Structures are given as structure tokens and as C-alpha cells.
Amino acid sequence: MNDVVPTWYALRQALWDEDEQKADQLLVENPDLLFAESIGGETVLAWFAIEGDLGRVDWLYKRGFNLDVYDLGTPLIFIVAQMGHKELLSWLLDRGASLALRDQYDQDIYSYLMEWDCESMCMYLRELRAQPTVQADGHASRY
């Protein structure tokens, strides 16, 4: 989307102001906001995820926002990991965000993180993947 719709900014501001009623109203009136991007290529969910705002990311996710989005060619999950948002990274993975995504240079998340000198986050991610998690249906799985 080349032109940022003013409602993208209105939604972001409503959530920033903790006005969930207004944010819900904007989404009902403008369902395309689920996919709208800022001039920087971010969905509203991506904007809050980059800020590390788990509460607002969760709110948007519960209303249908996609977790596997890109920001200027880089998967959101890569950026969240690069920024060191461990709790949000775990949350994204628990809700099915994909580690199989590749960036615009065909790098996986580990190559991307190493390029940004984020070796500790690579180790953290490997530890997360090694731990079985119990899904809602009672089955154990790994990321």
C-alpha cells in the first residue's frame, strides 16, 4: 500500500492513548486496517511489536492481525529478536509465528541475528526451541 490511510495513524493513536473503544470502532469501520501499512511498511501490530509492547500486540492479535508480517523486507519476528524483546518473542512463537520465514536476502533468523551481532539472542532462541511446550490441545510441541 503506497498511501498511508489516515485511519492507520488514528488506530495507532487510539491504542497509544489506551482508548480501546475507539480502536475497536476504527477496526469495525475499516477492516482493511488489518493489512494497512505505514509509510515505513509497518502494520500497526508491527509498530507496537518493534516497541516491545506485548499488551497492545496481544490486543491487535486477538482482533485478527497477522503475526507473520514483514517490515521493509524483514520478518517481524526477526526484528523482535534483534531488539531483544524475549518475552514478546516467546509470545509470538507460542501463537504460531513462523521461524521458517526468510528476509529479503534469503537469510533465516539465525543468520540475520548473527549479522546484527545478536549471538545471545540466537542462543536464547535455540534454548526456547529445545524446550517442549504444551499446546492448548494437550500435545507437546517444539517451535
N, C-alpha and C. Protein backbone atom coordinates (compact mmCIF):
# COMPACT_ATOMS: atom_id res chain seq x y z
N MET A 1 0.86 -1.18 0.00
CA MET A 1 0.00 0.00 0.00
C MET A 1 0.89 1.23 0.00
N ASN A 2 0.77 2.08 -0.99
CA ASN A 2 1.63 3.25 -1.12
C ASN A 2 1.17 4.42 -0.28
N ASP A 3 -0.11 4.64 -0.21
CA ASP A 3 -0.64 5.76 0.55
C ASP A 3 -1.10 5.26 1.92
N VAL A 4 -0.57 5.88 2.94
CA VAL A 4 -0.97 5.50 4.28
C VAL A 4 -2.33 6.11 4.56
N VAL A 5 -3.24 5.25 4.93
CA VAL A 5 -4.57 5.76 5.24
C VAL A 5 -4.52 6.46 6.60
N PRO A 6 -5.18 7.60 6.71
CA PRO A 6 -5.16 8.33 7.99
C PRO A 6 -5.66 7.48 9.16
N THR A 7 -6.51 6.50 8.87
CA THR A 7 -7.02 5.66 9.95
C THR A 7 -5.92 4.78 10.55
N TRP A 8 -4.84 4.51 9.80
CA TRP A 8 -3.71 3.76 10.37
C TRP A 8 -3.17 4.53 11.57
N TYR A 9 -2.95 5.82 11.36
CA TYR A 9 -2.44 6.66 12.45
C TYR A 9 -3.46 6.82 13.56
N ALA A 10 -4.73 6.91 13.18
CA ALA A 10 -5.79 7.05 14.18
C ALA A 10 -5.86 5.80 15.07
N LEU A 11 -5.71 4.62 14.46
CA LEU A 11 -5.72 3.38 15.24
C LEU A 11 -4.52 3.32 16.17
N ARG A 12 -3.36 3.62 15.64
CA ARG A 12 -2.15 3.61 16.48
C ARG A 12 -2.32 4.58 17.65
N GLN A 13 -2.84 5.77 17.38
CA GLN A 13 -3.00 6.78 18.43
C GLN A 13 -4.04 6.34 19.46
N ALA A 14 -5.14 5.76 18.99
CA ALA A 14 -6.18 5.30 19.92
C ALA A 14 -5.60 4.26 20.88
N LEU A 15 -4.80 3.35 20.36
CA LEU A 15 -4.19 2.34 21.23
C LEU A 15 -3.14 2.96 22.14
N TRP A 16 -2.38 3.90 21.61
CA TRP A 16 -1.38 4.59 22.42
C TRP A 16 -2.05 5.32 23.59
N ASP A 17 -3.23 5.87 23.30
CA ASP A 17 -4.00 6.59 24.33
C ASP A 17 -4.83 5.65 25.20
N GLU A 18 -4.71 4.34 24.96
CA GLU A 18 -5.46 3.30 25.69
C GLU A 18 -6.97 3.47 25.53
N ASP A 19 -7.39 3.93 24.36
CA ASP A 19 -8.81 4.08 24.05
C ASP A 19 -9.24 2.89 23.19
N GLU A 20 -9.44 1.75 23.84
CA GLU A 20 -9.78 0.53 23.12
C GLU A 20 -11.13 0.61 22.43
N GLN A 21 -12.06 1.36 22.99
CA GLN A 21 -13.37 1.53 22.36
C GLN A 21 -13.22 2.21 21.01
N LYS A 22 -12.44 3.26 20.95
CA LYS A 22 -12.22 3.96 19.68
C LYS A 22 -11.47 3.05 18.71
N ALA A 23 -10.48 2.31 19.20
CA ALA A 23 -9.72 1.40 18.33
C ALA A 23 -10.63 0.33 17.76
N ASP A 24 -11.50 -0.24 18.59
CA ASP A 24 -12.46 -1.24 18.09
C ASP A 24 -13.37 -0.65 17.03
N GLN A 25 -13.83 0.57 17.28
CA GLN A 25 -14.71 1.24 16.32
C GLN A 25 -13.99 1.44 14.98
N LEU A 26 -12.74 1.85 15.03
CA LEU A 26 -11.96 2.05 13.80
C LEU A 26 -11.82 0.74 13.02
N LEU A 27 -11.59 -0.36 13.72
CA LEU A 27 -11.45 -1.65 13.05
C LEU A 27 -12.77 -2.13 12.45
N VAL A 28 -13.86 -1.87 13.13
CA VAL A 28 -15.18 -2.25 12.59
C VAL A 28 -15.48 -1.44 11.33
N GLU A 29 -15.20 -0.15 11.38
CA GLU A 29 -15.49 0.73 10.25
C GLU A 29 -14.48 0.58 9.11
N ASN A 30 -13.27 0.10 9.42
CA ASN A 30 -12.19 0.00 8.43
C ASN A 30 -11.48 -1.35 8.55
N PRO A 31 -12.12 -2.44 8.15
CA PRO A 31 -11.49 -3.76 8.31
C PRO A 31 -10.17 -3.91 7.56
N ASP A 32 -9.92 -3.08 6.56
CA ASP A 32 -8.64 -3.12 5.84
C ASP A 32 -7.46 -2.69 6.70
N LEU A 33 -7.74 -2.11 7.87
CA LEU A 33 -6.65 -1.73 8.77
C LEU A 33 -5.84 -2.93 9.23
N LEU A 34 -6.43 -4.12 9.14
CA LEU A 34 -5.68 -5.34 9.48
C LEU A 34 -4.45 -5.49 8.60
N PHE A 35 -4.50 -4.93 7.40
CA PHE A 35 -3.42 -5.09 6.42
C PHE A 35 -2.73 -3.77 6.06
N ALA A 36 -3.26 -2.66 6.53
CA ALA A 36 -2.70 -1.35 6.18
C ALA A 36 -1.30 -1.19 6.74
N GLU A 37 -0.46 -0.48 5.99
CA GLU A 37 0.92 -0.26 6.39
C GLU A 37 1.23 1.23 6.44
N SER A 38 2.13 1.57 7.33
CA SER A 38 2.63 2.95 7.39
C SER A 38 3.55 3.19 6.21
N ILE A 39 4.02 4.40 6.09
CA ILE A 39 4.97 4.72 5.02
C ILE A 39 6.26 3.91 5.18
N GLY A 40 6.55 3.48 6.41
CA GLY A 40 7.71 2.64 6.68
C GLY A 40 7.46 1.16 6.45
N GLY A 41 6.25 0.81 6.03
CA GLY A 41 5.94 -0.58 5.72
C GLY A 41 5.46 -1.40 6.90
N GLU A 42 5.08 -0.76 7.98
CA GLU A 42 4.65 -1.48 9.19
C GLU A 42 3.14 -1.52 9.33
N THR A 43 2.63 -2.66 9.75
CA THR A 43 1.26 -2.69 10.23
C THR A 43 1.26 -2.08 11.62
N VAL A 44 0.08 -1.78 12.13
CA VAL A 44 0.01 -1.22 13.49
C VAL A 44 0.55 -2.25 14.49
N LEU A 45 0.27 -3.54 14.28
CA LEU A 45 0.80 -4.57 15.16
C LEU A 45 2.33 -4.56 15.12
N ALA A 46 2.91 -4.47 13.93
CA ALA A 46 4.37 -4.44 13.82
C ALA A 46 4.95 -3.23 14.55
N TRP A 47 4.30 -2.10 14.44
CA TRP A 47 4.79 -0.89 15.10
C TRP A 47 4.89 -1.11 16.61
N PHE A 48 3.83 -1.68 17.21
CA PHE A 48 3.85 -1.91 18.65
C PHE A 48 4.81 -3.04 19.03
N ALA A 49 4.95 -4.04 18.16
CA ALA A 49 5.89 -5.14 18.44
C ALA A 49 7.32 -4.63 18.47
N ILE A 50 7.67 -3.77 17.53
CA ILE A 50 9.03 -3.22 17.50
C ILE A 50 9.29 -2.41 18.77
N GLU A 51 8.24 -1.79 19.30
CA GLU A 51 8.36 -1.06 20.56
C GLU A 51 8.40 -2.00 21.77
N GLY A 52 8.13 -3.29 21.54
CA GLY A 52 8.14 -4.27 22.63
C GLY A 52 6.89 -4.24 23.47
N ASP A 53 5.79 -3.73 22.93
CA ASP A 53 4.54 -3.54 23.67
C ASP A 53 3.65 -4.78 23.55
N LEU A 54 3.90 -5.76 24.39
CA LEU A 54 3.17 -7.03 24.33
C LEU A 54 1.67 -6.85 24.53
N GLY A 55 1.27 -5.98 25.42
CA GLY A 55 -0.16 -5.78 25.68
C GLY A 55 -0.93 -5.34 24.45
N ARG A 56 -0.39 -4.38 23.74
CA ARG A 56 -1.08 -3.88 22.54
C ARG A 56 -0.96 -4.87 21.38
N VAL A 57 0.17 -5.58 21.29
CA VAL A 57 0.30 -6.62 20.26
C VAL A 57 -0.75 -7.70 20.49
N ASP A 58 -0.92 -8.11 21.73
CA ASP A 58 -1.93 -9.12 22.06
C ASP A 58 -3.33 -8.63 21.70
N TRP A 59 -3.63 -7.39 22.02
CA TRP A 59 -4.94 -6.82 21.72
C TRP A 59 -5.20 -6.87 20.21
N LEU A 60 -4.21 -6.48 19.42
CA LEU A 60 -4.37 -6.48 17.96
C LEU A 60 -4.45 -7.91 17.41
N TYR A 61 -3.65 -8.80 17.94
CA TYR A 61 -3.68 -10.20 17.51
C TYR A 61 -5.07 -10.80 17.73
N LYS A 62 -5.66 -10.51 18.87
CA LYS A 62 -7.00 -11.04 19.19
C LYS A 62 -8.07 -10.49 18.24
N ARG A 63 -7.75 -9.45 17.50
CA ARG A 63 -8.69 -8.87 16.56
C ARG A 63 -8.36 -9.22 15.11
N GLY A 64 -7.40 -10.12 14.92
CA GLY A 64 -7.16 -10.65 13.59
C GLY A 64 -5.90 -10.22 12.89
N PHE A 65 -5.04 -9.45 13.55
CA PHE A 65 -3.80 -9.03 12.91
C PHE A 65 -2.87 -10.22 12.73
N ASN A 66 -2.16 -10.24 11.62
CA ASN A 66 -1.23 -11.31 11.26
C ASN A 66 0.09 -11.12 11.99
N LEU A 67 0.65 -12.21 12.52
CA LEU A 67 1.94 -12.15 13.20
C LEU A 67 3.11 -12.28 12.23
N ASP A 68 2.89 -12.92 11.10
CA ASP A 68 3.97 -13.18 10.14
C ASP A 68 4.04 -12.08 9.08
N VAL A 69 4.22 -10.85 9.54
CA VAL A 69 4.32 -9.71 8.62
C VAL A 69 5.78 -9.31 8.45
N TYR A 70 6.02 -8.54 7.41
CA TYR A 70 7.35 -8.04 7.10
C TYR A 70 7.39 -6.54 7.29
N ASP A 71 8.56 -6.04 7.64
CA ASP A 71 8.80 -4.61 7.74
C ASP A 71 9.98 -4.31 6.83
N LEU A 72 9.70 -3.72 5.69
CA LEU A 72 10.73 -3.40 4.69
C LEU A 72 11.59 -4.62 4.35
N GLY A 73 10.94 -5.75 4.14
CA GLY A 73 11.63 -6.96 3.71
C GLY A 73 12.15 -7.85 4.82
N THR A 74 11.95 -7.45 6.04
CA THR A 74 12.43 -8.24 7.18
C THR A 74 11.24 -8.75 7.99
N PRO A 75 11.17 -10.05 8.24
CA PRO A 75 10.07 -10.57 9.05
C PRO A 75 10.05 -9.93 10.44
N LEU A 76 8.87 -9.64 10.91
CA LEU A 76 8.71 -9.01 12.22
C LEU A 76 9.39 -9.80 13.31
N ILE A 77 9.29 -11.12 13.27
CA ILE A 77 9.89 -11.94 14.33
C ILE A 77 11.40 -11.75 14.38
N PHE A 78 12.04 -11.49 13.23
CA PHE A 78 13.48 -11.22 13.20
C PHE A 78 13.79 -9.93 13.97
N ILE A 79 12.98 -8.91 13.71
CA ILE A 79 13.20 -7.60 14.32
C ILE A 79 12.97 -7.67 15.83
N VAL A 80 11.91 -8.36 16.23
CA VAL A 80 11.62 -8.52 17.66
C VAL A 80 12.80 -9.19 18.35
N ALA A 81 13.35 -10.23 17.73
CA ALA A 81 14.51 -10.91 18.31
C ALA A 81 15.73 -9.99 18.34
N GLN A 82 15.96 -9.27 17.26
CA GLN A 82 17.10 -8.35 17.18
C GLN A 82 17.02 -7.28 18.27
N MET A 83 15.81 -6.82 18.55
CA MET A 83 15.61 -5.78 19.56
C MET A 83 15.74 -6.31 20.99
N GLY A 84 15.81 -7.64 21.13
CA GLY A 84 15.98 -8.23 22.45
C GLY A 84 14.69 -8.39 23.24
N HIS A 85 13.56 -8.36 22.57
CA HIS A 85 12.26 -8.49 23.25
C HIS A 85 11.95 -9.97 23.49
N LYS A 86 12.60 -10.57 24.48
CA LYS A 86 12.50 -12.01 24.72
C LYS A 86 11.07 -12.46 25.05
N GLU A 87 10.41 -11.73 25.92
CA GLU A 87 9.04 -12.12 26.30
C GLU A 87 8.11 -12.08 25.09
N LEU A 88 8.24 -11.05 24.28
CA LEU A 88 7.41 -10.92 23.09
C LEU A 88 7.77 -12.00 22.07
N LEU A 89 9.05 -12.31 21.93
CA LEU A 89 9.47 -13.37 21.02
C LEU A 89 8.84 -14.70 21.43
N SER A 90 8.88 -15.03 22.70
CA SER A 90 8.25 -16.26 23.19
C SER A 90 6.75 -16.24 22.93
N TRP A 91 6.13 -15.10 23.17
CA TRP A 91 4.70 -14.96 22.96
C TRP A 91 4.35 -15.19 21.49
N LEU A 92 5.12 -14.58 20.58
CA LEU A 92 4.88 -14.76 19.14
C LEU A 92 4.98 -16.24 18.75
N LEU A 93 6.01 -16.89 19.24
CA LEU A 93 6.20 -18.30 18.91
C LEU A 93 5.08 -19.16 19.49
N ASP A 94 4.65 -18.85 20.69
CA ASP A 94 3.55 -19.60 21.31
C ASP A 94 2.25 -19.47 20.52
N ARG A 95 2.12 -18.42 19.74
CA ARG A 95 0.91 -18.20 18.95
C ARG A 95 1.10 -18.55 17.48
N GLY A 96 2.20 -19.20 17.17
CA GLY A 96 2.37 -19.74 15.82
C GLY A 96 3.15 -18.91 14.84
N ALA A 97 3.80 -17.85 15.29
CA ALA A 97 4.64 -17.08 14.37
C ALA A 97 5.71 -18.02 13.80
N SER A 98 5.98 -17.87 12.54
CA SER A 98 6.86 -18.81 11.84
C SER A 98 8.33 -18.44 11.95
N LEU A 99 9.13 -19.45 12.28
CA LEU A 99 10.59 -19.29 12.23
C LEU A 99 11.14 -19.67 10.86
N ALA A 100 10.28 -20.14 9.98
CA ALA A 100 10.72 -20.56 8.64
C ALA A 100 10.80 -19.39 7.66
N LEU A 101 10.37 -18.21 8.09
CA LEU A 101 10.42 -17.05 7.19
C LEU A 101 11.86 -16.68 6.86
N ARG A 102 12.03 -16.01 5.74
CA ARG A 102 13.35 -15.54 5.31
C ARG A 102 13.24 -14.06 4.96
N ASP A 103 14.34 -13.36 5.16
CA ASP A 103 14.31 -11.93 4.85
C ASP A 103 14.57 -11.69 3.37
N GLN A 104 14.67 -10.42 2.99
CA GLN A 104 14.83 -10.06 1.58
C GLN A 104 16.14 -10.56 0.99
N TYR A 105 17.08 -10.98 1.84
CA TYR A 105 18.37 -11.52 1.37
C TYR A 105 18.42 -13.04 1.50
N ASP A 106 17.26 -13.65 1.74
CA ASP A 106 17.10 -15.09 1.88
C ASP A 106 17.81 -15.65 3.12
N GLN A 107 17.95 -14.82 4.14
CA GLN A 107 18.56 -15.27 5.40
C GLN A 107 17.49 -15.83 6.32
N ASP A 108 17.86 -16.86 7.08
CA ASP A 108 16.98 -17.33 8.14
C ASP A 108 17.21 -16.45 9.37
N ILE A 109 16.45 -16.69 10.42
CA ILE A 109 16.52 -15.82 11.60
C ILE A 109 17.90 -15.86 12.25
N TYR A 110 18.54 -17.04 12.25
CA TYR A 110 19.85 -17.14 12.89
C TYR A 110 20.92 -16.35 12.13
N SER A 111 20.92 -16.46 10.82
CA SER A 111 21.88 -15.70 10.01
C SER A 111 21.65 -14.20 10.19
N TYR A 112 20.38 -13.81 10.20
CA TYR A 112 20.04 -12.40 10.40
C TYR A 112 20.56 -11.90 11.74
N LEU A 113 20.30 -12.66 12.79
CA LEU A 113 20.73 -12.24 14.13
C LEU A 113 22.25 -12.18 14.24
N MET A 114 22.94 -13.13 13.63
CA MET A 114 24.40 -13.11 13.68
C MET A 114 24.96 -11.89 12.93
N GLU A 115 24.30 -11.52 11.84
CA GLU A 115 24.73 -10.32 11.10
C GLU A 115 24.63 -9.08 11.97
N TRP A 116 23.67 -9.06 12.88
CA TRP A 116 23.46 -7.92 13.77
C TRP A 116 24.14 -8.11 15.13
N ASP A 117 25.08 -9.06 15.21
CA ASP A 117 25.83 -9.33 16.46
C ASP A 117 24.91 -9.66 17.63
N CYS A 118 23.91 -10.46 17.36
CA CYS A 118 22.94 -10.86 18.38
C CYS A 118 23.10 -12.34 18.72
N GLU A 119 24.33 -12.75 18.99
CA GLU A 119 24.59 -14.15 19.28
C GLU A 119 23.83 -14.63 20.52
N SER A 120 23.70 -13.79 21.53
CA SER A 120 22.99 -14.21 22.74
C SER A 120 21.52 -14.48 22.44
N MET A 121 20.93 -13.73 21.51
CA MET A 121 19.54 -13.98 21.15
C MET A 121 19.43 -15.27 20.35
N CYS A 122 20.42 -15.59 19.53
CA CYS A 122 20.44 -16.88 18.82
C CYS A 122 20.44 -18.02 19.83
N MET A 123 21.26 -17.89 20.86
CA MET A 123 21.33 -18.93 21.89
C MET A 123 20.00 -19.03 22.63
N TYR A 124 19.41 -17.89 22.95
CA TYR A 124 18.11 -17.88 23.63
C TYR A 124 17.05 -18.57 22.77
N LEU A 125 17.04 -18.27 21.49
CA LEU A 125 16.07 -18.88 20.59
C LEU A 125 16.29 -20.38 20.49
N ARG A 126 17.52 -20.82 20.43
CA ARG A 126 17.81 -22.27 20.40
C ARG A 126 17.34 -22.93 21.69
N GLU A 127 17.52 -22.28 22.82
CA GLU A 127 17.04 -22.82 24.10
C GLU A 127 15.52 -22.93 24.10
N LEU A 128 14.85 -21.90 23.59
CA LEU A 128 13.40 -21.94 23.50
C LEU A 128 12.92 -23.12 22.66
N ARG A 129 13.56 -23.32 21.54
CA ARG A 129 13.17 -24.40 20.63
C ARG A 129 13.43 -25.76 21.23
N ALA A 130 14.39 -25.87 22.14
CA ALA A 130 14.72 -27.16 22.74
C ALA A 130 13.74 -27.55 23.83
N GLN A 131 12.98 -26.58 24.33
CA GLN A 131 12.04 -26.86 25.42
C GLN A 131 10.69 -27.22 24.85
N PRO A 132 10.16 -28.39 25.24
CA PRO A 132 8.81 -28.73 24.77
C PRO A 132 7.80 -27.77 25.40
N THR A 133 6.80 -27.43 24.64
CA THR A 133 5.72 -26.60 25.15
C THR A 133 4.43 -27.38 25.01
N VAL A 134 3.52 -27.16 25.91
CA VAL A 134 2.24 -27.86 25.87
C VAL A 134 1.22 -26.94 25.21
N GLN A 135 0.64 -27.41 24.13
CA GLN A 135 -0.35 -26.64 23.40
C GLN A 135 -1.71 -26.75 24.08
N ALA A 136 -2.66 -25.94 23.65
CA ALA A 136 -4.00 -25.93 24.25
C ALA A 136 -4.67 -27.30 24.15
N ASP A 137 -4.34 -28.08 23.11
CA ASP A 137 -4.95 -29.40 22.95
C ASP A 137 -4.25 -30.47 23.78
N GLY A 138 -3.24 -30.07 24.57
CA GLY A 138 -2.54 -31.01 25.46
C GLY A 138 -1.33 -31.67 24.82
N HIS A 139 -1.10 -31.47 23.54
CA HIS A 139 0.05 -32.07 22.87
C HIS A 139 1.31 -31.23 23.10
N ALA A 140 2.43 -31.92 23.27
CA ALA A 140 3.71 -31.21 23.39
C ALA A 140 4.26 -30.95 22.01
N SER A 141 4.87 -29.81 21.83
CA SER A 141 5.49 -29.49 20.56
C SER A 141 6.71 -28.61 20.81
N ARG A 142 7.47 -28.41 19.76
CA ARG A 142 8.61 -27.50 19.81
C ARG A 142 8.42 -26.51 18.67
N TYR A 143 8.99 -25.33 18.81
CA TYR A 143 8.85 -24.30 17.80
C TYR A 143 9.47 -24.75 16.51
